[in-house]
Amino acid sequence: DTKEYNNALEETAKVLEDGGLIGVPTDTIYGIACLASISNAVKNI
């Protein structure tokens, strides 16, 4: 519920919407993610 957390979310979402790749935590290990709708980003993974 902090501003810093929500700002981080918004910035991360923008990177994804722009076709970027991110390193992101999950409940098991760290992952690499992109938007599944952006074909070039999928290829880059």
All heavy atoms as atom14 arrays in JSON, in Angstrom:
{
  "sequence": "DTKEYNNALEETAKVLEDGGLIGVPTDTIYGIACLASISNAVKNI",
  "atom14_mask": [
    [1, 1, 1, 1, 1, 1, 1, 1, 0, 0, 0, 0, 0, 0],
    [1, 1, 1, 1, 1, 1, 1, 0, 0, 0, 0, 0, 0, 0],
    [1, 1, 1, 1, 1, 1, 1, 1, 1, 0, 0, 0, 0, 0],
    [1, 1, 1, 1, 1, 1, 1, 1, 1, 0, 0, 0, 0, 0],
    [1, 1, 1, 1, 1, 1, 1, 1, 1, 1, 1, 1, 0, 0],
    [1, 1, 1, 1, 1, 1, 1, 1, 0, 0, 0, 0, 0, 0],
    [1, 1, 1, 1, 1, 1, 1, 1, 0, 0, 0, 0, 0, 0],
    [1, 1, 1, 1, 1, 0, 0, 0, 0, 0, 0, 0, 0, 0],
    [1, 1, 1, 1, 1, 1, 1, 1, 0, 0, 0, 0, 0, 0],
    [1, 1, 1, 1, 1, 1, 1, 1, 1, 0, 0, 0, 0, 0],
    [1, 1, 1, 1, 1, 1, 1, 1, 1, 0, 0, 0, 0, 0],
    [1, 1, 1, 1, 1, 1, 1, 0, 0, 0, 0, 0, 0, 0],
    [1, 1, 1, 1, 1, 0, 0, 0, 0, 0, 0, 0, 0, 0],
    [1, 1, 1, 1, 1, 1, 1, 1, 1, 0, 0, 0, 0, 0],
    [1, 1, 1, 1, 1, 1, 1, 0, 0, 0, 0, 0, 0, 0],
    [1, 1, 1, 1, 1, 1, 1, 1, 0, 0, 0, 0, 0, 0],
    [1, 1, 1, 1, 1, 1, 1, 1, 1, 0, 0, 0, 0, 0],
    [1, 1, 1, 1, 1, 1, 1, 1, 0, 0, 0, 0, 0, 0],
    [1, 1, 1, 1, 0, 0, 0, 0, 0, 0, 0, 0, 0, 0],
    [1, 1, 1, 1, 0, 0, 0, 0, 0, 0, 0, 0, 0, 0],
    [1, 1, 1, 1, 1, 1, 1, 1, 0, 0, 0, 0, 0, 0],
    [1, 1, 1, 1, 1, 1, 1, 1, 0, 0, 0, 0, 0, 0],
    [1, 1, 1, 1, 0, 0, 0, 0, 0, 0, 0, 0, 0, 0],
    [1, 1, 1, 1, 1, 1, 1, 0, 0, 0, 0, 0, 0, 0],
    [1, 1, 1, 1, 1, 1, 1, 0, 0, 0, 0, 0, 0, 0],
    [1, 1, 1, 1, 1, 1, 1, 0, 0, 0, 0, 0, 0, 0],
    [1, 1, 1, 1, 1, 1, 1, 1, 0, 0, 0, 0, 0, 0],
    [1, 1, 1, 1, 1, 1, 1, 0, 0, 0, 0, 0, 0, 0],
    [1, 1, 1, 1, 1, 1, 1, 1, 0, 0, 0, 0, 0, 0],
    [1, 1, 1, 1, 1, 1, 1, 1, 1, 1, 1, 1, 0, 0],
    [1, 1, 1, 1, 0, 0, 0, 0, 0, 0, 0, 0, 0, 0],
    [1, 1, 1, 1, 1, 1, 1, 1, 0, 0, 0, 0, 0, 0],
    [1, 1, 1, 1, 1, 0, 0, 0, 0, 0, 0, 0, 0, 0],
    [1, 1, 1, 1, 1, 1, 0, 0, 0, 0, 0, 0, 0, 0],
    [1, 1, 1, 1, 1, 1, 1, 1, 0, 0, 0, 0, 0, 0],
    [1, 1, 1, 1, 1, 0, 0, 0, 0, 0, 0, 0, 0, 0],
    [1, 1, 1, 1, 1, 1, 0, 0, 0, 0, 0, 0, 0, 0],
    [1, 1, 1, 1, 1, 1, 1, 1, 0, 0, 0, 0, 0, 0],
    [1, 1, 1, 1, 1, 1, 0, 0, 0, 0, 0, 0, 0, 0],
    [1, 1, 1, 1, 1, 1, 1, 1, 0, 0, 0, 0, 0, 0],
    [1, 1, 1, 1, 1, 0, 0, 0, 0, 0, 0, 0, 0, 0],
    [1, 1, 1, 1, 1, 1, 1, 0, 0, 0, 0, 0, 0, 0],
    [1, 1, 1, 1, 1, 1, 1, 1, 1, 0, 0, 0, 0, 0],
    [1, 1, 1, 1, 1, 1, 1, 1, 0, 0, 0, 0, 0, 0],
    [1, 1, 1, 1, 1, 1, 1, 1, 0, 0, 0, 0, 0, 0]
  ],
  "atom14_positions": [
    [[0.82, -1.22, 0.0], [0.0, 0.0, 0.0], [0.85, 1.27, 0.0], [0.33, 2.36, 0.21], [-0.96, 0.01, 1.2], [-0.23, -0.08, 2.54], [1.01, -0.18, 2.55], [-0.91, -0.07, 3.58], [0.0, 0.0, 0.0], [0.0, 0.0, 0.0], [0.0, 0.0, 0.0], [0.0, 0.0, 0.0], [0.0, 0.0, 0.0], [0.0, 0.0, 0.0]],
    [[2.15, 1.14, -0.28], [3.01, 2.32, -0.29], [3.13, 2.9, -1.7], [2.96, 2.2, -2.71], [4.42, 1.98, 0.21], [5.01, 1.01, -0.67], [4.38, 1.45, 1.63], [0.0, 0.0, 0.0], [0.0, 0.0, 0.0], [0.0, 0.0, 0.0], [0.0, 0.0, 0.0], [0.0, 0.0, 0.0], [0.0, 0.0, 0.0], [0.0, 0.0, 0.0]],
    [[3.43, 4.18, -1.76], [3.63, 4.86, -3.04], [4.8, 4.25, -3.8], [4.74, 4.08, -5.03], [3.86, 6.35, -2.81], [4.06, 7.15, -4.09], [4.25, 8.63, -3.77], [4.45, 9.43, -5.06], [4.65, 10.88, -4.77], [0.0, 0.0, 0.0], [0.0, 0.0, 0.0], [0.0, 0.0, 0.0], [0.0, 0.0, 0.0], [0.0, 0.0, 0.0]],
    [[5.88, 3.91, -3.08], [7.06, 3.36, -3.72], [6.75, 2.03, -4.42], [7.2, 1.78, -5.54], [8.17, 3.15, -2.68], [8.77, 4.42, -2.12], [7.92, 5.02, -1.0], [6.88, 4.42, -0.62], [8.3, 6.08, -0.49], [0.0, 0.0, 0.0], [0.0, 0.0, 0.0], [0.0, 0.0, 0.0], [0.0, 0.0, 0.0], [0.0, 0.0, 0.0]],
    [[5.97, 1.19, -3.75], [5.6, -0.1, -4.32], [4.77, 0.09, -5.59], [5.03, -0.53, -6.63], [4.82, -0.91, -3.29], [4.39, -2.29, -3.74], [5.22, -3.4, -3.54], [3.16, -2.5, -4.36], [4.82, -4.66, -3.95], [2.76, -3.76, -4.76], [3.6, -4.84, -4.56], [3.19, -6.09, -4.97], [0.0, 0.0, 0.0], [0.0, 0.0, 0.0]],
    [[3.79, 0.94, -5.52], [2.91, 1.15, -6.68], [3.63, 1.86, -7.82], [3.36, 1.57, -9.0], [1.67, 1.92, -6.25], [0.71, 1.05, -5.46], [0.08, 0.16, -6.0], [0.6, 1.31, -4.16], [0.0, 0.0, 0.0], [0.0, 0.0, 0.0], [0.0, 0.0, 0.0], [0.0, 0.0, 0.0], [0.0, 0.0, 0.0], [0.0, 0.0, 0.0]],
    [[4.57, 2.75, -7.49], [5.38, 3.36, -8.54], [6.23, 2.32, -9.25], [6.4, 2.36, -10.48], [6.28, 4.45, -7.96], [5.52, 5.71, -7.6], [4.38, 5.9, -8.03], [6.14, 6.58, -6.83], [0.0, 0.0, 0.0], [0.0, 0.0, 0.0], [0.0, 0.0, 0.0], [0.0, 0.0, 0.0], [0.0, 0.0, 0.0], [0.0, 0.0, 0.0]],
    [[6.78, 1.38, -8.47], [7.57, 0.3, -9.05], [6.73, -0.56, -9.99], [7.16, -0.92, -11.09], [8.18, -0.56, -7.95], [0.0, 0.0, 0.0], [0.0, 0.0, 0.0], [0.0, 0.0, 0.0], [0.0, 0.0, 0.0], [0.0, 0.0, 0.0], [0.0, 0.0, 0.0], [0.0, 0.0, 0.0], [0.0, 0.0, 0.0], [0.0, 0.0, 0.0]],
    [[5.51, -0.86, -9.58], [4.61, -1.64, -10.43], [4.32, -0.92, -11.74], [4.38, -1.52, -12.82], [3.29, -1.89, -9.7], [3.18, -3.09, -8.78], [1.8, -3.13, -8.15], [3.47, -4.39, -9.51], [0.0, 0.0, 0.0], [0.0, 0.0, 0.0], [0.0, 0.0, 0.0], [0.0, 0.0, 0.0], [0.0, 0.0, 0.0], [0.0, 0.0, 0.0]],
    [[4.01, 0.36, -11.64], [3.68, 1.13, -12.84], [4.87, 1.2, -13.79], [4.7, 1.09, -15.02], [3.21, 2.53, -12.44], [1.86, 2.54, -11.74], [1.47, 3.93, -11.25], [2.2, 4.89, -11.56], [0.44, 4.04, -10.57], [0.0, 0.0, 0.0], [0.0, 0.0, 0.0], [0.0, 0.0, 0.0], [0.0, 0.0, 0.0], [0.0, 0.0, 0.0]],
    [[6.07, 1.4, -13.25], [7.25, 1.48, -14.09], [7.53, 0.13, -14.77], [7.87, 0.07, -15.95], [8.46, 1.91, -13.28], [9.71, 2.1, -14.11], [10.82, 2.81, -13.36], [10.57, 3.31, -12.25], [11.94, 2.85, -13.91], [0.0, 0.0, 0.0], [0.0, 0.0, 0.0], [0.0, 0.0, 0.0], [0.0, 0.0, 0.0], [0.0, 0.0, 0.0]],
    [[7.36, -0.95, -14.01], [7.57, -2.28, -14.56], [6.57, -2.58, -15.67], [6.94, -3.1, -16.74], [7.46, -3.35, -13.46], [8.3, -3.01, -12.37], [7.87, -4.71, -13.99], [0.0, 0.0, 0.0], [0.0, 0.0, 0.0], [0.0, 0.0, 0.0], [0.0, 0.0, 0.0], [0.0, 0.0, 0.0], [0.0, 0.0, 0.0], [0.0, 0.0, 0.0]],
    [[5.31, -2.24, -15.45], [4.28, -2.47, -16.46], [4.58, -1.69, -17.73], [4.38, -2.19, -18.85], [2.91, -2.09, -15.9], [0.0, 0.0, 0.0], [0.0, 0.0, 0.0], [0.0, 0.0, 0.0], [0.0, 0.0, 0.0], [0.0, 0.0, 0.0], [0.0, 0.0, 0.0], [0.0, 0.0, 0.0], [0.0, 0.0, 0.0], [0.0, 0.0, 0.0]],
    [[5.08, -0.47, -17.59], [5.39, 0.34, -18.77], [6.51, -0.29, -19.59], [6.46, -0.31, -20.83], [5.78, 1.76, -18.36], [5.99, 2.69, -19.57], [6.34, 4.1, -19.15], [6.37, 5.02, -20.37], [7.23, 4.51, -21.48], [0.0, 0.0, 0.0], [0.0, 0.0, 0.0], [0.0, 0.0, 0.0], [0.0, 0.0, 0.0], [0.0, 0.0, 0.0]],
    [[7.53, -0.81, -18.9], [8.61, -1.49, -19.61], [8.07, -2.67, -20.41], [8.43, -2.88, -21.57], [9.69, -1.96, -18.6], [10.69, -2.9, -19.28], [10.43, -0.76, -18.01], [0.0, 0.0, 0.0], [0.0, 0.0, 0.0], [0.0, 0.0, 0.0], [0.0, 0.0, 0.0], [0.0, 0.0, 0.0], [0.0, 0.0, 0.0], [0.0, 0.0, 0.0]],
    [[7.16, -3.43, -19.79], [6.58, -4.58, -20.49], [5.73, -4.15, -21.67], [5.81, -4.73, -22.76], [5.74, -5.41, -19.51], [6.52, -6.16, -18.43], [5.57, -6.72, -17.38], [7.36, -7.27, -19.04], [0.0, 0.0, 0.0], [0.0, 0.0, 0.0], [0.0, 0.0, 0.0], [0.0, 0.0, 0.0], [0.0, 0.0, 0.0], [0.0, 0.0, 0.0]],
    [[4.91, -3.11, -21.47], [4.04, -2.63, -22.54], [4.85, -2.09, -23.71], [4.4, -2.11, -24.86], [3.1, -1.54, -22.01], [2.15, -1.99, -20.9], [0.97, -2.79, -21.41], [0.81, -2.92, -22.64], [0.19, -3.31, -20.58], [0.0, 0.0, 0.0], [0.0, 0.0, 0.0], [0.0, 0.0, 0.0], [0.0, 0.0, 0.0], [0.0, 0.0, 0.0]],
    [[6.07, -1.62, -23.43], [6.95, -1.11, -24.48], [7.75, -2.22, -25.16], [8.62, -1.95, -25.99], [7.91, -0.07, -23.91], [7.21, 1.24, -23.57], [6.08, 1.46, -24.06], [7.78, 2.03, -22.8], [0.0, 0.0, 0.0], [0.0, 0.0, 0.0], [0.0, 0.0, 0.0], [0.0, 0.0, 0.0], [0.0, 0.0, 0.0], [0.0, 0.0, 0.0]],
    [[7.49, -3.47, -24.78], [8.17, -4.6, -25.41], [9.45, -5.02, -24.73], [10.23, -5.78, -25.31], [0.0, 0.0, 0.0], [0.0, 0.0, 0.0], [0.0, 0.0, 0.0], [0.0, 0.0, 0.0], [0.0, 0.0, 0.0], [0.0, 0.0, 0.0], [0.0, 0.0, 0.0], [0.0, 0.0, 0.0], [0.0, 0.0, 0.0], [0.0, 0.0, 0.0]],
    [[9.66, -4.56, -23.49], [10.89, -4.89, -22.79], [10.86, -6.24, -22.09], [9.82, -6.88, -21.97], [0.0, 0.0, 0.0], [0.0, 0.0, 0.0], [0.0, 0.0, 0.0], [0.0, 0.0, 0.0], [0.0, 0.0, 0.0], [0.0, 0.0, 0.0], [0.0, 0.0, 0.0], [0.0, 0.0, 0.0], [0.0, 0.0, 0.0], [0.0, 0.0, 0.0]],
    [[12.05, -6.65, -21.63], [12.22, -7.88, -20.86], [12.62, -7.5, -19.44], [13.43, -6.6, -19.23], [13.31, -8.76, -21.46], [13.21, -9.14, -22.94], [14.34, -10.1, -23.3], [11.86, -9.73, -23.27], [0.0, 0.0, 0.0], [0.0, 0.0, 0.0], [0.0, 0.0, 0.0], [0.0, 0.0, 0.0], [0.0, 0.0, 0.0], [0.0, 0.0, 0.0]],
    [[12.07, -8.21, -18.48], [12.37, -7.92, -17.08], [12.78, -9.18, -16.34], [12.39, -10.29, -16.69], [11.15, -7.29, -16.36], [9.99, -8.28, -16.3], [10.73, -6.0, -17.03], [8.86, -7.84, -15.38], [0.0, 0.0, 0.0], [0.0, 0.0, 0.0], [0.0, 0.0, 0.0], [0.0, 0.0, 0.0], [0.0, 0.0, 0.0], [0.0, 0.0, 0.0]],
    [[13.59, -8.99, -15.29], [13.85, -10.03, -14.32], [12.91, -9.82, -13.15], [12.83, -8.72, -12.61], [0.0, 0.0, 0.0], [0.0, 0.0, 0.0], [0.0, 0.0, 0.0], [0.0, 0.0, 0.0], [0.0, 0.0, 0.0], [0.0, 0.0, 0.0], [0.0, 0.0, 0.0], [0.0, 0.0, 0.0], [0.0, 0.0, 0.0], [0.0, 0.0, 0.0]],
    [[12.18, -10.86, -12.76], [11.1, -10.68, -11.81], [11.05, -11.83, -10.81], [11.33, -12.98, -11.16], [9.74, -10.54, -12.56], [9.38, -11.84, -13.27], [8.62, -10.09, -11.65], [0.0, 0.0, 0.0], [0.0, 0.0, 0.0], [0.0, 0.0, 0.0], [0.0, 0.0, 0.0], [0.0, 0.0, 0.0], [0.0, 0.0, 0.0], [0.0, 0.0, 0.0]],
    [[10.73, -11.55, -9.54], [10.64, -12.62, -8.54], [9.34, -13.4, -8.66], [8.3, -12.87, -9.06], [10.69, -11.85, -7.22], [10.08, -10.51, -7.54], [10.51, -10.21, -8.95], [0.0, 0.0, 0.0], [0.0, 0.0, 0.0], [0.0, 0.0, 0.0], [0.0, 0.0, 0.0], [0.0, 0.0, 0.0], [0.0, 0.0, 0.0], [0.0, 0.0, 0.0]],
    [[9.41, -14.68, -8.32], [8.21, -15.51, -8.17], [8.29, -16.22, -6.83], [9.19, -15.97, -6.03], [8.08, -16.55, -9.31], [8.98, -17.63, -9.08], [8.36, -15.92, -10.67], [0.0, 0.0, 0.0], [0.0, 0.0, 0.0], [0.0, 0.0, 0.0], [0.0, 0.0, 0.0], [0.0, 0.0, 0.0], [0.0, 0.0, 0.0], [0.0, 0.0, 0.0]],
    [[7.36, -17.12, -6.6], [7.34, -17.86, -5.34], [8.35, -18.99, -5.29], [8.57, -19.59, -4.24], [5.94, -18.42, -5.05], [5.37, -19.19, -6.23], [6.0, -19.22, -7.29], [4.25, -19.74, -6.08], [0.0, 0.0, 0.0], [0.0, 0.0, 0.0], [0.0, 0.0, 0.0], [0.0, 0.0, 0.0], [0.0, 0.0, 0.0], [0.0, 0.0, 0.0]],
    [[9.01, -19.29, -6.41], [9.98, -20.38, -6.45], [11.38, -19.89, -6.78], [12.31, -20.08, -6.0], [9.55, -21.43, -7.5], [9.36, -20.8, -8.77], [8.25, -22.13, -7.07], [0.0, 0.0, 0.0], [0.0, 0.0, 0.0], [0.0, 0.0, 0.0], [0.0, 0.0, 0.0], [0.0, 0.0, 0.0], [0.0, 0.0, 0.0], [0.0, 0.0, 0.0]],
    [[11.53, -19.26, -7.94], [12.82, -18.76, -8.41], [12.57, -17.44, -9.14], [11.43, -17.04, -9.34], [13.5, -19.77, -9.37], [12.56, -20.09, -10.54], [13.91, -21.03, -8.63], [13.13, -21.06, -11.57], [0.0, 0.0, 0.0], [0.0, 0.0, 0.0], [0.0, 0.0, 0.0], [0.0, 0.0, 0.0], [0.0, 0.0, 0.0], [0.0, 0.0, 0.0]],
    [[13.65, -16.77, -9.53], [13.5, -15.57, -10.36], [13.21, -15.98, -11.8], [13.68, -17.02, -12.29], [14.75, -14.7, -10.31], [14.75, -13.74, -9.14], [15.19, -14.15, -7.89], [14.27, -12.44, -9.28], [15.17, -13.28, -6.8], [14.25, -11.56, -8.21], [14.7, -11.98, -6.96], [14.65, -11.12, -5.89], [0.0, 0.0, 0.0], [0.0, 0.0, 0.0]],
    [[12.41, -15.14, -12.47], [12.06, -15.42, -13.85], [12.4, -14.26, -14.76], [12.71, -13.15, -14.32], [0.0, 0.0, 0.0], [0.0, 0.0, 0.0], [0.0, 0.0, 0.0], [0.0, 0.0, 0.0], [0.0, 0.0, 0.0], [0.0, 0.0, 0.0], [0.0, 0.0, 0.0], [0.0, 0.0, 0.0], [0.0, 0.0, 0.0], [0.0, 0.0, 0.0]],
    [[12.34, -14.52, -16.05], [12.39, -13.49, -17.08], [11.02, -13.43, -17.71], [10.43, -14.46, -18.04], [13.45, -13.8, -18.15], [14.85, -13.81, -17.52], [13.4, -12.79, -19.28], [15.92, -14.31, -18.44], [0.0, 0.0, 0.0], [0.0, 0.0, 0.0], [0.0, 0.0, 0.0], [0.0, 0.0, 0.0], [0.0, 0.0, 0.0], [0.0, 0.0, 0.0]],
    [[10.5, -12.22, -17.87], [9.13, -12.07, -18.36], [9.05, -11.0, -19.43], [9.85, -10.07, -19.47], [8.19, -11.73, -17.21], [0.0, 0.0, 0.0], [0.0, 0.0, 0.0], [0.0, 0.0, 0.0], [0.0, 0.0, 0.0], [0.0, 0.0, 0.0], [0.0, 0.0, 0.0], [0.0, 0.0, 0.0], [0.0, 0.0, 0.0], [0.0, 0.0, 0.0]],
    [[8.04, -11.15, -20.27], [7.65, -10.13, -21.23], [6.15, -10.26, -21.44], [5.53, -11.2, -20.92], [8.39, -10.28, -22.56], [7.87, -11.71, -23.54], [0.0, 0.0, 0.0], [0.0, 0.0, 0.0], [0.0, 0.0, 0.0], [0.0, 0.0, 0.0], [0.0, 0.0, 0.0], [0.0, 0.0, 0.0], [0.0, 0.0, 0.0], [0.0, 0.0, 0.0]],
    [[5.55, -9.34, -22.16], [4.15, -9.5, -22.51], [4.03, -10.58, -23.59], [4.7, -10.52, -24.62], [3.54, -8.2, -23.03], [3.1, -7.16, -22.0], [2.21, -6.12, -22.67], [2.36, -7.78, -20.83], [0.0, 0.0, 0.0], [0.0, 0.0, 0.0], [0.0, 0.0, 0.0], [0.0, 0.0, 0.0], [0.0, 0.0, 0.0], [0.0, 0.0, 0.0]],
    [[3.15, -11.54, -23.34], [3.0, -12.65, -24.28], [2.41, -12.21, -25.61], [2.49, -12.94, -26.59], [2.14, -13.74, -23.65], [0.0, 0.0, 0.0], [0.0, 0.0, 0.0], [0.0, 0.0, 0.0], [0.0, 0.0, 0.0], [0.0, 0.0, 0.0], [0.0, 0.0, 0.0], [0.0, 0.0, 0.0], [0.0, 0.0, 0.0], [0.0, 0.0, 0.0]],
    [[1.82, -11.04, -25.64], [1.21, -10.53, -26.88], [2.21, -9.89, -27.82], [1.89, -9.65, -28.99], [0.13, -9.49, -26.53], [0.69, -8.44, -25.77], [0.0, 0.0, 0.0], [0.0, 0.0, 0.0], [0.0, 0.0, 0.0], [0.0, 0.0, 0.0], [0.0, 0.0, 0.0], [0.0, 0.0, 0.0], [0.0, 0.0, 0.0], [0.0, 0.0, 0.0]],
    [[3.42, -9.61, -27.34], [4.42, -8.91, -28.17], [5.4, -9.94, -28.72], [6.3, -10.41, -28.03], [5.14, -7.82, -27.35], [4.12, -6.82, -26.8], [6.19, -7.11, -28.2], [4.72, -5.72, -25.95], [0.0, 0.0, 0.0], [0.0, 0.0, 0.0], [0.0, 0.0, 0.0], [0.0, 0.0, 0.0], [0.0, 0.0, 0.0], [0.0, 0.0, 0.0]],
    [[5.21, -10.29, -29.98], [5.96, -11.39, -30.59], [7.46, -11.16, -30.57], [8.24, -12.09, -30.33], [5.47, -11.61, -32.02], [4.1, -11.96, -32.04], [0.0, 0.0, 0.0], [0.0, 0.0, 0.0], [0.0, 0.0, 0.0], [0.0, 0.0, 0.0], [0.0, 0.0, 0.0], [0.0, 0.0, 0.0], [0.0, 0.0, 0.0], [0.0, 0.0, 0.0]],
    [[7.9, -9.94, -30.81], [9.34, -9.67, -30.83], [9.95, -9.84, -29.45], [11.09, -10.32, -29.32], [9.6, -8.25, -31.35], [11.06, -8.04, -31.68], [11.64, -8.76, -32.49], [11.7, -7.06, -31.04], [0.0, 0.0, 0.0], [0.0, 0.0, 0.0], [0.0, 0.0, 0.0], [0.0, 0.0, 0.0], [0.0, 0.0, 0.0], [0.0, 0.0, 0.0]],
    [[9.2, -9.47, -28.41], [9.7, -9.65, -27.04], [9.83, -11.13, -26.71], [10.8, -11.56, -26.07], [8.76, -8.96, -26.05], [0.0, 0.0, 0.0], [0.0, 0.0, 0.0], [0.0, 0.0, 0.0], [0.0, 0.0, 0.0], [0.0, 0.0, 0.0], [0.0, 0.0, 0.0], [0.0, 0.0, 0.0], [0.0, 0.0, 0.0], [0.0, 0.0, 0.0]],
    [[8.86, -11.93, -27.14], [8.93, -13.38, -26.94], [10.18, -13.94, -27.63], [10.92, -14.74, -27.05], [7.66, -14.06, -27.47], [7.81, -15.58, -27.47], [6.45, -13.65, -26.64], [0.0, 0.0, 0.0], [0.0, 0.0, 0.0], [0.0, 0.0, 0.0], [0.0, 0.0, 0.0], [0.0, 0.0, 0.0], [0.0, 0.0, 0.0], [0.0, 0.0, 0.0]],
    [[10.42, -13.52, -28.85], [11.61, -13.96, -29.59], [12.88, -13.57, -28.84], [13.84, -14.36, -28.76], [11.6, -13.34, -30.98], [12.82, -13.67, -31.82], [12.79, -12.93, -33.15], [14.06, -13.19, -33.96], [14.08, -12.44, -35.24], [0.0, 0.0, 0.0], [0.0, 0.0, 0.0], [0.0, 0.0, 0.0], [0.0, 0.0, 0.0], [0.0, 0.0, 0.0]],
    [[12.89, -12.38, -28.27], [14.08, -11.91, -27.56], [14.39, -12.75, -26.32], [15.56, -12.92, -25.95], [13.92, -10.45, -27.16], [14.09, -9.51, -28.34], [14.62, -9.89, -29.37], [13.6, -8.28, -28.19], [0.0, 0.0, 0.0], [0.0, 0.0, 0.0], [0.0, 0.0, 0.0], [0.0, 0.0, 0.0], [0.0, 0.0, 0.0], [0.0, 0.0, 0.0]],
    [[13.34, -13.27, -25.66], [13.59, -14.15, -24.51], [14.36, -15.38, -24.94], [15.33, -15.81, -24.28], [12.26, -14.54, -23.82], [11.74, -13.39, -22.96], [12.46, -15.79, -22.96], [10.51, -13.74, -22.15], [0.0, 0.0, 0.0], [0.0, 0.0, 0.0], [0.0, 0.0, 0.0], [0.0, 0.0, 0.0], [0.0, 0.0, 0.0], [0.0, 0.0, 0.0]]
  ]
}
